[in-house]
């Protein structure tokens, strides 16, 4: 039995989904990188200019919470795309388009986990170090 060719609309929808998947893969590490640069850069400028470190620390902790929320949102969307709860397939070894779609969700989810760890480790000095020395 021959496999049916997708229609033009189905092709466009699949391409849009894969484009969103590729964007989702880069979003969590991008949030982590922006968080890293803002935190370290602002603390360095604060110490150099002798600004109020307590106010900057409080603002950065709020910024860190927002970064974690954003990464959590990306991770949840990636978890739903991975669809492991329904398929039970943790590996996605097949070469079908659906398997590739699930794999991109899997990769985005794991990158979200790594990004959460990165944001937490960047935020630890804000909590543990008292001020500029």
Protein backbone atom coordinates (compact mmCIF):
# COMPACT_ATOMS: atom_id res chain seq x y z
CA UNK A 1 0.00 0.00 0.00
CA UNK A 2 1.45 3.34 -1.06
CA UNK A 3 1.97 6.09 1.47
CA UNK A 4 -0.17 9.16 0.91
CA UNK A 5 1.63 12.41 0.07
CA UNK A 6 0.88 15.30 2.43
CA UNK A 7 -1.11 18.21 1.11
CA UNK A 8 0.40 21.67 0.78
CA UNK A 9 -1.41 22.89 3.92
CA UNK A 10 -0.17 19.88 5.89
CA UNK A 11 3.38 20.59 4.72
CA UNK A 12 3.11 24.23 5.79
CA UNK A 13 1.71 23.26 9.20
CA UNK A 14 4.46 20.68 9.75
CA UNK A 15 7.14 23.20 8.74
CA UNK A 16 5.70 25.79 11.14
CA UNK A 17 5.70 23.23 13.97
CA UNK A 18 9.31 22.28 13.30
CA UNK A 19 10.33 25.93 13.09
CA UNK A 20 8.69 26.52 16.48
CA UNK A 21 10.50 23.45 17.82
CA UNK A 22 13.87 24.78 16.71
CA UNK A 23 13.06 28.14 18.30
CA UNK A 24 12.04 26.37 21.51
CA UNK A 25 15.35 24.48 21.59
CA UNK A 26 17.31 27.74 21.65
CA UNK A 27 15.04 29.75 23.93
CA UNK A 28 15.95 28.30 27.35
CA UNK A 29 19.74 28.57 26.83
CA UNK A 30 19.21 32.08 25.47
CA UNK A 31 17.34 33.09 28.65
CA UNK A 32 20.17 31.57 30.70
CA UNK A 33 22.82 33.47 28.71
CA UNK A 34 20.97 36.79 29.01
CA UNK A 35 20.51 36.18 32.73
CA UNK A 36 24.23 35.44 33.12
CA UNK A 37 25.33 38.59 31.29
CA UNK A 38 22.86 40.87 33.07
CA UNK A 39 23.66 39.52 36.55
CA UNK A 40 27.44 39.58 36.28
CA UNK A 41 27.52 42.81 34.30
CA UNK A 42 25.20 44.70 36.63
CA UNK A 43 26.98 43.51 39.76
CA UNK A 44 30.34 44.55 38.27
CA UNK A 45 29.04 48.01 37.40
CA UNK A 46 27.36 48.31 40.81
CA UNK A 47 30.61 47.51 42.60
CA UNK A 48 32.64 49.83 40.36
CA UNK A 49 30.24 52.77 40.71
CA UNK A 50 29.48 52.03 44.39
CA UNK A 51 25.73 51.86 43.86
CA UNK A 52 23.36 50.35 46.43
CA UNK A 53 24.14 46.62 46.24
CA UNK A 54 21.07 45.62 48.27
CA UNK A 55 18.67 47.20 45.78
CA UNK A 56 20.54 45.71 42.82
CA UNK A 57 20.62 42.28 44.47
CA UNK A 58 16.87 42.41 45.13
CA UNK A 59 16.17 43.40 41.55
CA UNK A 60 18.41 40.64 40.21
CA UNK A 61 16.74 38.04 42.42
CA UNK A 62 13.37 39.09 41.00
CA UNK A 63 14.90 38.94 37.52
CA UNK A 64 16.22 35.44 38.34
CA UNK A 65 12.74 34.32 39.39
CA UNK A 66 11.34 35.64 36.11
CA UNK A 67 14.08 33.83 34.16
CA UNK A 68 13.26 30.59 35.98
CA UNK A 69 9.57 31.05 35.24
CA UNK A 70 10.31 31.63 31.55
CA UNK A 71 12.54 28.58 31.33
CA UNK A 72 9.90 26.56 33.19
CA UNK A 73 7.30 27.63 30.64
CA UNK A 74 9.59 26.58 27.77
CA UNK A 75 10.35 23.29 29.53
CA UNK A 76 6.67 22.52 30.05
CA UNK A 77 5.89 23.22 26.39
CA UNK A 78 8.82 20.99 25.39
CA UNK A 79 7.58 18.23 27.74
CA UNK A 80 4.18 18.36 26.04
CA UNK A 81 5.85 18.22 22.61
CA UNK A 82 8.00 15.27 23.66
CA UNK A 83 4.71 13.51 24.50
CA UNK A 84 6.35 10.78 26.53
CA UNK A 85 3.33 10.44 28.83
CA UNK A 86 1.12 9.25 25.96
CA UNK A 87 3.61 7.42 23.76
CA UNK A 88 5.78 5.88 26.49
CA UNK A 89 8.68 6.16 24.06
CA UNK A 90 11.67 7.73 25.81
CA UNK A 91 14.08 7.15 22.92
CA UNK A 92 12.29 7.96 19.60
CA UNK A 93 14.51 5.77 17.43
CA UNK A 94 12.30 5.89 14.35
CA UNK A 95 13.04 8.14 11.43
CA UNK A 96 9.48 9.35 10.97
CA UNK A 97 8.58 13.04 11.09
CA UNK A 98 6.64 12.43 14.32
CA UNK A 99 9.72 10.88 15.96
CA UNK A 100 11.83 13.87 14.94
CA UNK A 101 9.18 16.20 16.36
CA UNK A 102 9.22 14.30 19.67
CA UNK A 103 13.02 14.30 19.70
CA UNK A 104 13.11 18.09 19.34
CA UNK A 105 10.76 18.32 22.32
CA UNK A 106 13.02 15.94 24.25
CA UNK A 107 16.11 18.00 23.45
CA UNK A 108 14.37 21.28 24.34
CA UNK A 109 13.21 19.79 27.65
CA UNK A 110 16.73 18.65 28.57
CA UNK A 111 18.17 22.04 27.59
CA UNK A 112 15.55 23.66 29.83
CA UNK A 113 16.69 21.50 32.75
CA UNK A 114 20.32 22.48 32.14
CA UNK A 115 19.29 26.15 31.86
CA UNK A 116 17.46 26.00 35.21
CA UNK A 117 20.61 24.65 36.83
CA UNK A 118 22.64 27.43 35.18
CA UNK A 119 20.30 30.18 36.39
CA UNK A 120 20.32 28.77 39.92
CA UNK A 121 24.13 28.64 40.00
CA UNK A 122 24.42 32.19 38.63
CA UNK A 123 21.94 33.36 41.29
CA UNK A 124 23.72 31.71 44.23
CA UNK A 125 26.33 34.50 44.65
CA UNK A 126 23.47 37.00 44.88
CA UNK A 127 22.23 35.15 47.94
CA UNK A 128 25.51 34.04 49.53
CA UNK A 129 27.89 36.98 49.03
CA UNK A 130 27.26 40.01 51.21
CA UNK A 131 28.53 42.80 49.00
CA UNK A 132 31.42 44.31 47.08
CA UNK A 133 34.87 43.87 48.62
